[in-house]
Protein backbone atom coordinates (compact mmCIF):
# COMPACT_ATOMS: atom_id res chain seq x y z
CA MET A 1 -3.09 -10.49 13.48
CA SER A 2 -2.46 -11.28 17.23
CA PRO A 3 -4.73 -9.83 18.84
CA PRO A 4 -7.01 -9.02 15.92
CA VAL A 5 -8.45 -5.55 15.59
CA PRO A 6 -11.64 -6.16 13.27
CA ALA A 7 -13.21 -2.97 14.33
CA LEU A 8 -10.05 -0.92 13.10
CA VAL A 9 -9.83 -2.91 10.08
CA ARG A 10 -13.21 -2.57 9.10
CA ARG A 11 -12.86 1.21 9.47
CA ALA A 12 -9.81 1.41 7.69
CA LEU A 13 -10.05 -0.69 4.76
CA CYS A 14 -6.34 -1.77 5.17
CA LEU A 15 -5.56 -3.85 2.02
CA ALA A 16 -2.30 -4.36 3.70
CA ALA A 17 -0.06 -4.85 6.59
CA VAL A 18 3.69 -5.12 7.64
CA THR A 19 5.96 -6.98 10.37
CA SER A 20 9.21 -6.35 11.52
CA LEU A 21 12.98 -6.16 10.59
CA VAL A 22 16.14 -5.85 11.85
CA LEU A 23 17.07 -2.22 10.39
CA PRO A 24 20.65 -2.06 8.81
CA THR A 25 22.96 0.46 9.42
CA ALA A 26 22.19 3.90 8.05
CA PRO A 27 24.48 4.64 5.15
CA ALA A 28 26.62 7.72 5.56
CA ALA A 29 24.52 10.86 4.94
CA ALA A 30 25.27 14.58 3.98
CA SER A 31 24.98 16.97 6.44
CA GLY A 32 22.10 19.09 6.47
CA PRO A 33 22.18 22.68 7.74
CA GLY A 34 22.33 21.97 11.34
CA HIS A 35 19.64 21.07 13.50
CA CYS A 36 16.50 22.10 12.10
CA GLY A 37 18.08 24.69 10.18
CA ARG A 38 15.87 26.88 7.86
CA LEU A 39 12.78 25.83 9.41
CA PRO A 40 11.26 29.56 8.87
CA ALA A 41 11.76 29.17 5.15
CA LEU A 42 9.74 26.05 4.68
CA ASP A 43 6.41 26.65 2.76
CA VAL A 44 4.76 23.75 1.00
CA PRO A 45 3.33 24.75 -2.34
CA GLY A 46 -0.32 24.84 -2.52
CA ALA A 47 -1.07 23.59 1.00
CA GLU A 48 -4.00 25.44 2.67
CA ARG A 49 -2.39 24.90 6.11
CA GLN A 50 0.70 23.85 7.35
CA GLN A 51 2.78 23.68 10.80
CA ALA A 52 6.49 22.87 10.83
CA VAL A 53 8.24 21.93 13.90
CA CYS A 54 11.59 21.00 14.98
CA LEU A 55 11.75 17.24 16.75
CA ASP A 56 14.72 15.63 18.59
CA GLU A 57 13.20 12.24 16.82
CA LEU A 58 11.25 11.85 13.58
CA THR A 59 10.86 8.06 14.18
CA THR A 60 8.09 6.71 15.91
CA ALA A 61 10.45 6.26 19.12
CA GLY A 62 9.96 10.08 19.38
CA THR A 63 6.62 10.95 17.59
CA VAL A 64 4.17 8.51 19.63
CA ALA A 65 5.07 10.82 22.50
CA SER A 66 5.42 14.12 21.00
CA GLY A 67 2.04 13.79 19.45
CA HIS A 68 3.42 13.88 15.77
CA THR A 69 2.11 10.74 14.60
CA ASP A 70 -1.03 8.92 15.57
CA PRO A 71 -0.85 5.19 16.37
CA ALA A 72 -4.58 4.47 15.43
CA ASP A 73 -3.51 5.18 11.68
CA TRP A 74 -0.95 2.21 11.56
CA ALA A 75 -2.53 -0.08 14.48
CA GLY A 76 -2.93 -3.43 13.33
CA LEU A 77 -0.20 -3.18 10.32
CA THR A 78 2.81 -4.44 12.51
CA PRO A 79 3.50 -6.60 15.37
CA GLU A 80 4.39 -5.30 18.76
CA ALA A 81 8.00 -6.40 18.40
CA LEU A 82 8.94 -4.43 15.50
CA PRO A 83 12.19 -2.80 16.00
CA THR A 84 12.07 1.08 16.08
CA PRO A 85 15.05 2.98 14.75
CA ARG A 86 16.27 6.03 17.00
CA GLY A 87 18.62 9.03 16.30
CA VAL A 88 16.73 10.51 13.44
CA PRO A 89 16.39 14.44 14.65
CA GLY A 90 14.93 16.90 12.16
CA VAL A 91 11.90 18.81 10.66
CA GLN A 92 8.38 17.68 10.47
CA VAL A 93 5.52 19.43 8.43
CA ASP A 94 2.29 18.90 8.88
CA GLY A 95 -0.63 20.12 6.91
CA HIS A 96 -3.43 19.82 4.18
CA PHE A 97 -4.44 20.73 0.91
CA PRO A 98 -7.56 22.49 -0.05
CA ASP A 99 -10.23 19.76 -0.54
CA SER A 100 -14.13 19.68 0.36
CA SER A 101 -14.07 16.04 1.93
CA THR A 102 -13.92 15.72 5.50
CA GLY A 103 -13.30 12.23 6.38
CA ASN A 104 -9.61 12.65 8.19
CA THR A 105 -9.95 13.63 11.86
CA ASN A 106 -6.17 13.76 12.51
CA HIS A 107 -5.29 17.15 14.28
CA GLY A 108 -9.10 17.57 14.85
CA LEU A 109 -9.40 18.98 11.44
CA HIS A 110 -12.07 16.77 9.85
CA HIS A 111 -10.28 17.55 6.47
CA ASP A 112 -8.82 15.30 3.81
CA SER A 113 -5.74 15.95 1.60
CA GLN A 114 -3.53 15.79 4.70
CA PHE A 115 0.13 15.20 4.56
CA VAL A 116 3.15 14.73 6.23
CA LEU A 117 6.71 15.66 5.42
CA ARG A 118 9.68 14.64 7.71
CA LEU A 119 13.20 16.07 6.73
CA PRO A 120 16.10 14.86 8.76
CA ASP A 121 19.10 16.87 9.76
CA ARG A 122 21.52 14.24 8.17
CA TRP A 123 20.18 13.71 4.44
CA ASN A 124 21.29 11.24 2.16
CA GLY A 125 20.24 13.44 -0.94
CA GLY A 126 16.93 11.28 -1.55
CA LEU A 127 13.49 11.84 -1.00
CA VAL A 128 10.87 8.83 -0.53
CA VAL A 129 7.03 9.53 -1.38
CA ALA A 130 4.18 7.15 -0.65
CA GLY A 131 0.19 6.89 -0.68
CA THR A 132 -1.40 4.78 2.32
CA PRO A 133 -2.71 1.24 2.10
CA GLY A 134 -6.48 0.62 2.05
CA ASN A 135 -8.04 3.98 3.29
CA ARG A 136 -5.98 4.74 6.16
CA GLU A 137 -4.54 8.37 6.94
CA GLN A 138 -1.16 9.97 6.45
CA TYR A 139 0.66 8.40 9.09
CA ALA A 140 -0.24 4.81 8.13
CA ASN A 141 3.13 4.10 6.81
CA ASP A 142 5.14 5.46 9.64
CA ARG A 143 6.20 2.25 11.39
CA ALA A 144 6.04 0.14 7.86
CA ILE A 145 7.83 2.48 5.70
CA ALA A 146 8.61 5.70 7.24
CA ASP A 147 10.96 4.62 10.24
CA TRP A 148 13.30 2.72 8.22
CA VAL A 149 13.88 5.06 5.32
CA LEU A 150 14.38 8.12 7.74
CA ALA A 151 16.93 5.90 9.49
CA ARG A 152 18.54 5.50 5.89
CA GLY A 153 18.92 9.18 5.47
CA TYR A 154 15.71 9.86 3.44
CA ALA A 155 13.44 12.72 3.31
CA PHE A 156 9.70 11.24 3.51
CA ALA A 157 6.42 12.42 2.75
CA SER A 158 3.08 10.51 3.08
CA THR A 159 -0.59 11.39 1.76
CA ASP A 160 -4.10 10.39 2.82
CA LYS A 161 -4.83 10.18 -0.81
CA GLY A 162 -7.62 12.87 -0.40
CA ASN A 163 -10.44 10.55 1.09
CA THR A 164 -10.16 8.34 3.98
CA GLY A 165 -12.55 5.83 6.19
CA ALA A 166 -14.98 3.26 5.02
CA ALA A 167 -17.34 5.71 3.36
CA PHE A 168 -14.24 6.91 1.15
CA HIS A 169 -16.84 6.39 -1.85
CA ARG A 170 -18.80 9.54 -0.76
CA ASP A 171 -16.27 11.71 -2.32
CA GLY A 172 -16.47 12.96 -5.91
CA ARG A 173 -19.42 13.91 -8.18
CA ARG A 174 -19.17 10.59 -10.75
CA PRO A 175 -18.26 7.23 -9.99
CA GLY A 176 -14.40 6.51 -9.73
CA ASP A 177 -13.66 9.99 -8.67
CA ALA A 178 -12.59 9.04 -5.09
CA VAL A 179 -9.87 6.80 -6.37
CA ALA A 180 -8.88 8.96 -9.24
CA GLU A 181 -8.26 11.70 -6.69
CA TRP A 182 -5.63 9.05 -4.91
CA ASN A 183 -3.25 9.57 -8.02
CA THR A 184 -3.80 13.35 -8.21
CA ARG A 185 -3.05 14.09 -4.55
CA LEU A 186 0.26 11.67 -4.78
CA THR A 187 1.59 13.85 -7.61
CA GLN A 188 0.40 16.86 -5.72
CA LEU A 189 2.58 16.06 -2.69
CA THR A 190 5.54 14.61 -4.60
CA ARG A 191 5.85 18.08 -6.41
CA ALA A 192 5.36 20.07 -3.29
CA ALA A 193 7.64 17.69 -1.60
CA ARG A 194 10.81 18.32 -3.83
CA THR A 195 10.52 22.00 -3.76
CA VAL A 196 10.23 21.89 0.25
CA VAL A 197 13.55 19.49 0.20
CA ALA A 198 15.19 22.34 -1.85
CA GLN A 199 14.07 24.73 0.62
CA ARG A 200 15.64 22.93 3.50
CA TYR A 201 18.73 21.54 1.83
CA ASP A 202 19.72 24.39 -0.59
CA ARG A 203 19.32 21.73 -3.49
CA PRO A 204 16.53 19.66 -4.88
CA PRO A 205 16.54 15.87 -4.09
CA ALA A 206 18.92 13.58 -6.26
CA ARG A 207 17.01 10.76 -6.26
CA THR A 208 13.03 10.66 -5.70
CA LEU A 209 11.37 7.06 -5.17
CA VAL A 210 7.96 6.13 -4.52
CA THR A 211 6.71 3.23 -2.78
CA GLY A 212 3.62 1.71 -0.98
CA MET A 213 1.68 -1.21 -0.23
CA SER A 214 -1.55 -2.42 -1.44
CA ASN A 215 -3.56 0.73 -2.39
CA GLY A 216 -0.31 2.60 -2.15
CA GLY A 217 1.39 0.06 -4.35
CA TYR A 218 -1.31 0.72 -7.25
CA LEU A 219 -0.19 4.30 -6.67
CA VAL A 220 3.41 3.49 -7.59
CA ARG A 221 2.64 1.82 -10.61
CA TRP A 222 0.28 4.73 -11.84
CA GLN A 223 2.77 7.15 -11.03
CA LEU A 224 5.50 5.47 -12.69
CA GLU A 225 3.35 5.09 -16.06
CA ASN A 226 1.66 8.50 -15.67
CA HIS A 227 4.15 10.84 -14.20
CA PRO A 228 7.91 9.02 -14.71
CA GLU A 229 9.33 12.65 -14.67
CA LEU A 230 8.75 12.94 -10.95
CA TYR A 231 10.69 9.60 -10.03
CA ASP A 232 13.68 7.77 -10.59
CA GLY A 233 12.07 4.45 -9.61
CA GLY A 234 9.60 2.60 -7.41
CA VAL A 235 9.13 -0.31 -5.25
CA ASP A 236 5.29 -2.04 -5.55
CA TRP A 237 4.46 -3.89 -2.53
CA GLU A 238 1.70 -6.17 -3.47
CA GLY A 239 -0.27 -3.20 -5.47
CA THR A 240 -4.00 -3.56 -6.22
CA LEU A 241 -4.53 -3.87 -9.83
CA TRP A 242 -7.41 -1.92 -11.70
CA ARG A 243 -7.90 -3.02 -15.30
CA GLU A 244 -11.22 -2.12 -17.27
CA ARG A 245 -11.96 -5.48 -18.70
CA GLY A 246 -10.36 -7.44 -15.78
CA PRO A 247 -8.87 -8.59 -13.54
CA ASN A 248 -9.82 -6.45 -10.78
CA LEU A 249 -11.37 -6.79 -7.23
CA PHE A 250 -14.85 -7.39 -8.83
CA THR A 251 -13.82 -10.31 -10.95
CA PHE A 252 -12.84 -12.42 -7.91
CA LEU A 253 -13.95 -10.95 -4.64
CA PRO A 254 -17.65 -12.08 -5.47
CA ALA A 255 -16.89 -15.77 -5.98
CA ALA A 256 -15.19 -15.81 -2.61
CA LEU A 257 -18.57 -14.48 -1.03
CA ARG A 258 -20.57 -16.82 -3.18
CA HIS A 259 -19.10 -19.87 -2.52
CA TYR A 260 -17.07 -19.77 0.79
CA PRO A 261 -20.00 -20.33 2.99
CA ALA A 262 -20.54 -23.63 1.55
CA VAL A 263 -16.66 -24.49 2.23
CA ALA A 264 -17.38 -23.55 5.88
CA ALA A 265 -20.36 -25.64 6.05
CA GLY A 266 -18.60 -28.66 5.12
CA GLY A 267 -21.51 -30.25 3.37
CA PRO A 268 -21.88 -32.23 0.26
CA ASP A 269 -21.21 -29.12 -1.74
CA ALA A 270 -17.84 -28.07 -0.21
CA ALA A 271 -15.69 -29.54 -2.49
CA THR A 272 -17.39 -27.78 -5.48
CA ALA A 273 -17.66 -24.52 -3.78
CA ARG A 274 -13.85 -24.76 -2.78
CA ALA A 275 -12.79 -25.64 -6.66
CA ALA A 276 -14.77 -22.48 -7.37
CA LEU A 277 -12.54 -20.39 -5.32
CA TYR A 278 -9.67 -22.27 -6.63
CA ALA A 279 -10.81 -20.96 -10.43
CA ALA A 280 -11.33 -17.57 -8.93
CA GLY A 281 -7.82 -17.30 -8.30
CA PHE A 282 -7.48 -17.99 -4.47
CA PRO A 283 -4.21 -20.45 -4.17
CA LYS A 284 -4.32 -24.01 -3.19
CA GLY A 285 -2.66 -24.08 0.33
CA SER A 286 -4.32 -21.10 1.51
CA GLU A 287 -7.37 -22.34 2.94
CA PHE A 288 -6.50 -21.90 6.55
CA LEU A 289 -6.48 -18.24 5.67
CA TRP A 290 -10.12 -18.10 4.31
CA PRO A 291 -12.03 -17.86 7.45
CA TYR A 292 -10.16 -14.69 8.68
CA HIS A 293 -10.51 -12.78 5.30
CA HIS A 294 -14.08 -13.95 4.72
CA ARG A 295 -14.60 -12.28 8.29
CA ILE A 296 -12.86 -9.26 7.94
CA TYR A 297 -11.95 -8.29 4.14
CA TRP A 298 -13.68 -9.94 1.63
CA ASP A 299 -17.28 -8.63 2.35
CA LEU A 300 -16.22 -5.13 3.16
CA THR A 301 -13.77 -4.36 0.40
CA GLN A 302 -16.18 -5.80 -2.34
CA ARG A 303 -19.03 -3.95 -1.00
CA VAL A 304 -17.32 -0.09 -0.61
CA TYR A 305 -15.06 -0.59 -3.75
CA ARG A 306 -18.31 -1.80 -5.90
CA GLU A 307 -20.20 1.34 -4.19
CA GLU A 308 -17.32 3.56 -5.72
CA PHE A 309 -17.62 2.37 -9.34
CA ASP A 310 -21.15 0.94 -9.38
CA PRO A 311 -23.44 2.51 -6.97
CA ASP A 312 -26.40 1.71 -8.99
CA PHE A 313 -26.21 -1.91 -8.46
CA ASP A 314 -28.11 -1.72 -5.18
CA GLY A 315 -30.29 1.23 -6.13
CA ALA A 316 -30.82 3.53 -2.77
CA THR A 317 -28.67 1.21 -0.48
CA GLU A 318 -25.13 2.36 0.19
CA ALA A 319 -22.66 -0.12 -0.28
CA GLY A 320 -24.85 -3.30 0.11
CA THR A 321 -25.69 -5.50 2.43
CA PRO A 322 -23.20 -6.97 4.80
CA TYR A 323 -22.93 -10.58 4.42
CA CYS A 324 -25.90 -11.26 2.33
CA ALA A 325 -26.58 -14.72 0.88
CA SER A 326 -26.02 -15.44 -2.59
CA GLY A 327 -29.93 -15.29 -4.10
CA THR A 328 -30.69 -12.30 -2.00
CA PRO A 329 -31.61 -9.25 -4.21
CA ASP A 330 -29.08 -6.96 -4.88
CA CYS A 331 -26.43 -9.06 -3.39
CA ASP A 332 -22.81 -8.51 -3.69
CA ALA A 333 -22.07 -12.26 -3.72
CA ASP A 334 -23.90 -12.43 -6.90
CA TYR A 335 -22.08 -9.25 -8.64
CA ASP A 336 -21.34 -9.90 -12.18
CA TYR A 337 -18.98 -7.46 -13.16
CA ALA A 338 -18.76 -8.26 -16.93
CA ALA A 339 -22.93 -8.28 -17.00
CA ARG A 340 -22.82 -4.48 -15.68
CA PRO A 341 -23.45 -1.34 -17.86
CA ASP A 342 -20.51 -0.32 -20.12
CA GLU A 343 -20.32 3.06 -17.89
CA VAL A 344 -19.37 0.81 -14.83
CA ARG A 345 -16.52 -0.39 -16.73
CA ARG A 346 -15.83 3.25 -18.14
CA ALA A 347 -15.36 4.33 -14.43
CA VAL A 348 -12.90 1.70 -13.74
CA GLY A 349 -10.90 2.57 -16.90
CA ARG A 350 -10.39 6.05 -15.45
CA VAL A 351 -8.18 4.71 -13.09
CA ALA A 352 -6.88 1.46 -14.96
CA LEU A 353 -3.19 0.79 -15.10
CA THR A 354 -1.51 0.16 -18.54
CA GLY A 355 1.86 -1.38 -18.09
CA ARG A 356 3.74 1.40 -19.80
CA LEU A 357 6.15 2.36 -17.10
CA GLY A 358 8.50 5.05 -17.59
CA LYS A 359 10.91 4.20 -14.77
CA PRO A 360 12.54 1.01 -13.08
CA LEU A 361 9.86 -0.66 -10.86
CA LEU A 362 10.23 -3.78 -8.63
CA THR A 363 7.24 -5.89 -7.37
CA VAL A 364 6.77 -8.04 -4.35
CA HIS A 365 3.81 -10.10 -3.61
CA GLY A 366 3.10 -13.29 -1.41
CA THR A 367 2.05 -16.49 -3.26
CA LEU A 368 -0.59 -16.96 -0.24
CA ASP A 369 -2.21 -13.51 -0.85
CA VAL A 370 -5.87 -14.19 -0.43
CA LEU A 371 -7.10 -10.61 -0.67
CA LEU A 372 -5.38 -9.63 -3.78
CA PRO A 373 -4.54 -13.47 -5.38
CA ILE A 374 -0.98 -13.09 -6.82
CA SER A 375 -2.11 -14.75 -10.14
CA ARG A 376 -4.93 -12.20 -10.49
CA SER A 377 -2.64 -9.27 -9.52
CA ALA A 378 1.10 -9.15 -9.58
CA ASP A 379 1.32 -11.70 -12.37
CA ALA A 380 -1.13 -10.12 -14.50
CA TYR A 381 0.57 -6.84 -14.01
CA ALA A 382 3.72 -8.43 -14.87
CA ARG A 383 2.33 -9.83 -18.37
CA LEU A 384 0.67 -6.33 -18.76
CA VAL A 385 4.30 -4.41 -18.61
CA ARG A 386 5.37 -7.00 -21.05
CA SER A 387 3.01 -6.56 -23.57
CA ALA A 388 3.23 -3.03 -23.38
CA GLY A 389 7.13 -3.37 -24.22
CA ARG A 390 8.42 -2.34 -20.99
CA GLY A 391 9.51 -5.44 -19.58
CA ALA A 392 13.02 -4.47 -19.28
CA LEU A 393 12.26 -1.79 -16.58
CA HIS A 394 10.29 -4.30 -14.29
CA ARG A 395 11.19 -7.23 -11.85
CA THR A 396 8.47 -9.20 -10.15
CA TYR A 397 9.31 -11.27 -6.80
CA ARG A 398 6.82 -13.98 -5.84
CA ILE A 399 7.62 -14.52 -2.26
CA GLU A 400 6.80 -18.11 -1.17
CA ASP A 401 4.11 -18.07 1.47
CA GLY A 402 3.91 -14.54 1.96
CA THR A 403 0.18 -13.40 2.41
CA HIS A 404 -1.33 -9.67 2.15
CA THR A 405 -1.34 -9.21 6.00
CA ASP A 406 1.97 -9.56 7.59
CA ALA A 407 0.87 -9.30 10.97
CA LEU A 408 -0.87 -12.93 10.23
CA VAL A 409 2.50 -13.95 10.39
CA ASP A 410 2.47 -14.04 13.94
CA SER A 411 -0.72 -16.24 14.20
CA HIS A 412 0.99 -18.56 12.03
CA PRO A 413 4.56 -18.85 11.95
CA ASP A 414 4.67 -22.28 10.64
CA ARG A 415 3.04 -21.45 7.50
CA LEU A 416 3.58 -17.99 6.48
CA ARG A 417 6.66 -15.39 6.01
CA PRO A 418 6.54 -11.64 6.13
CA LEU A 419 7.29 -9.49 3.06
CA VAL A 420 8.48 -6.64 4.77
CA PRO A 421 12.26 -7.93 4.54
CA CYS A 422 11.32 -8.71 0.99
CA HIS A 423 10.10 -5.20 0.44
CA ARG A 424 13.44 -3.72 1.86
CA SER A 425 15.70 -6.10 -0.12
CA ALA A 426 13.71 -4.80 -3.28
CA PHE A 427 14.50 -1.21 -2.16
CA THR A 428 18.21 -1.77 -1.55
CA ALA A 429 18.30 -3.62 -4.93
CA LEU A 430 16.50 -0.54 -6.75
CA GLU A 431 19.05 1.64 -5.11
CA ARG A 432 21.90 -0.35 -6.53
CA TRP A 433 20.13 -0.49 -9.95
CA LEU A 434 19.77 3.36 -9.85
CA GLY A 435 23.21 4.04 -8.31
CA ALA A 436 25.71 1.61 -9.50
CA GLY A 437 23.96 0.37 -12.49
CA VAL A 438 23.77 -3.19 -10.75
CA ARG A 439 20.71 -4.98 -12.43
CA PRO A 440 18.44 -6.69 -9.89
CA PRO A 441 17.69 -10.32 -10.14
CA GLU A 442 15.31 -11.50 -12.69
CA SER A 443 11.97 -11.89 -11.89
CA GLY A 444 11.16 -15.20 -10.01
CA THR A 445 9.67 -16.84 -6.79
CA VAL A 446 11.84 -16.36 -3.72
CA ARG A 447 11.53 -19.64 -2.02
CA ARG A 448 10.94 -19.95 1.77
CA PRO A 449 14.53 -21.49 3.11
CA ALA A 450 13.96 -24.55 4.44
CA GLY A 451 14.50 -24.68 8.40
CA SER A 452 14.26 -20.76 8.63
CA ASP A 453 13.45 -19.90 11.80
CA ALA A 454 11.28 -16.74 12.67
CA THR A 455 14.33 -14.56 13.29
CA GLU A 456 15.88 -15.43 9.94
CA LEU A 457 12.47 -14.76 7.98
CA LEU A 458 12.12 -11.31 9.37
CA THR A 459 15.55 -10.33 8.82
CA ARG A 460 16.64 -11.78 5.38
CA CYS A 461 15.12 -11.96 2.08
CA PRO A 462 17.73 -12.37 -0.63
CA LEU A 463 15.86 -12.05 -4.10
CA ASP A 464 18.45 -14.00 -5.96
CA GLY A 465 17.90 -16.89 -3.87
CA ARG A 466 21.39 -17.27 -2.26
CA PRO A 467 21.66 -17.96 1.66
């Protein structure tokens, strides 16, 4: 990331980031009811507060200046050079659903379950919905996803998932409640957004797609497993995997915390410690990424998510002791998920994935992901889908040299490639699958083309391996 924004990353717990892509020309879109037509008729079902406005520009090319996005929500997720499409006028609706938690400070509300809906004047008949990565707020997808799909003619809706910030685990009454609410809020927003689309354009969306990165990718999987009736398909961008018996964050992050200090020290124990990280799932060849992830992601992520599902581990201490050394009492570096009481695994089980997809899903995940290692995440989920008998609905594309945080490509352009063009290739492949019945390429590894320059890697990612 250039420059790094550790304070923001700590606040937002971003489990994902994105980078740039030259945008394709938007397909021909059906005309809407004139510029901002039917605005007074828009009514978000169940919303406690809402405000609809007519904007000359729905992308961040206009919403930054007009105050209809918050750059802090997506700061650090995309490089400064990310192209921004223009020329998408329409209606934006901001608001929130009833909720008792107060972490989201957008609009000065101090109210969670905030959402944003964007309805372009020139509509292609589709709707894209998303939850945010990490524990960011509702505008976190604006640069990574919203700008691109709006330029293609889609209506777009995003939710903050019902709780935000580093203390998200304080929400709810029992362990796992905060994460469970993420699923409920995306379902709620999808239903409401479909209704508002019909109000705006006099017909419901012909196609509803769900997408998201990291925690947002987890939501894609959960929605297609549990509410396939709401969607036509989805694209999962390096989604988090929750499984009651593992793998999950708690089966590999403690190993990173326990063994990385010996790797960094470089003493006689370094080789053994490095082998322990490999055994935990961290891929060989990713060692250059370990210092950054140790400093920014591993420790914080383990502690706050462990607090969400297992608050009793450290007694009255909230979310553990930062960077405690192995052997320190109640230290997350020594957390042993398998040895914890059954109620901890039951809490994870409440939000666990099953692999029982009800609609098509395409997954993209980088082979050098060292926050959610691919062998413990996308590969494991693909096996789960196959074991559930739903393999025909799923594709997994392992993106060679991709990592969890696309912004790191700026710092390591010779070693990393961005996932954003691969996500967009998967999205268009899903469109063809649903529209023309053209089945996407089979699951496999998308190799980094030899000799590719930065521009090529940012603009192309052929999933079938063809130049």
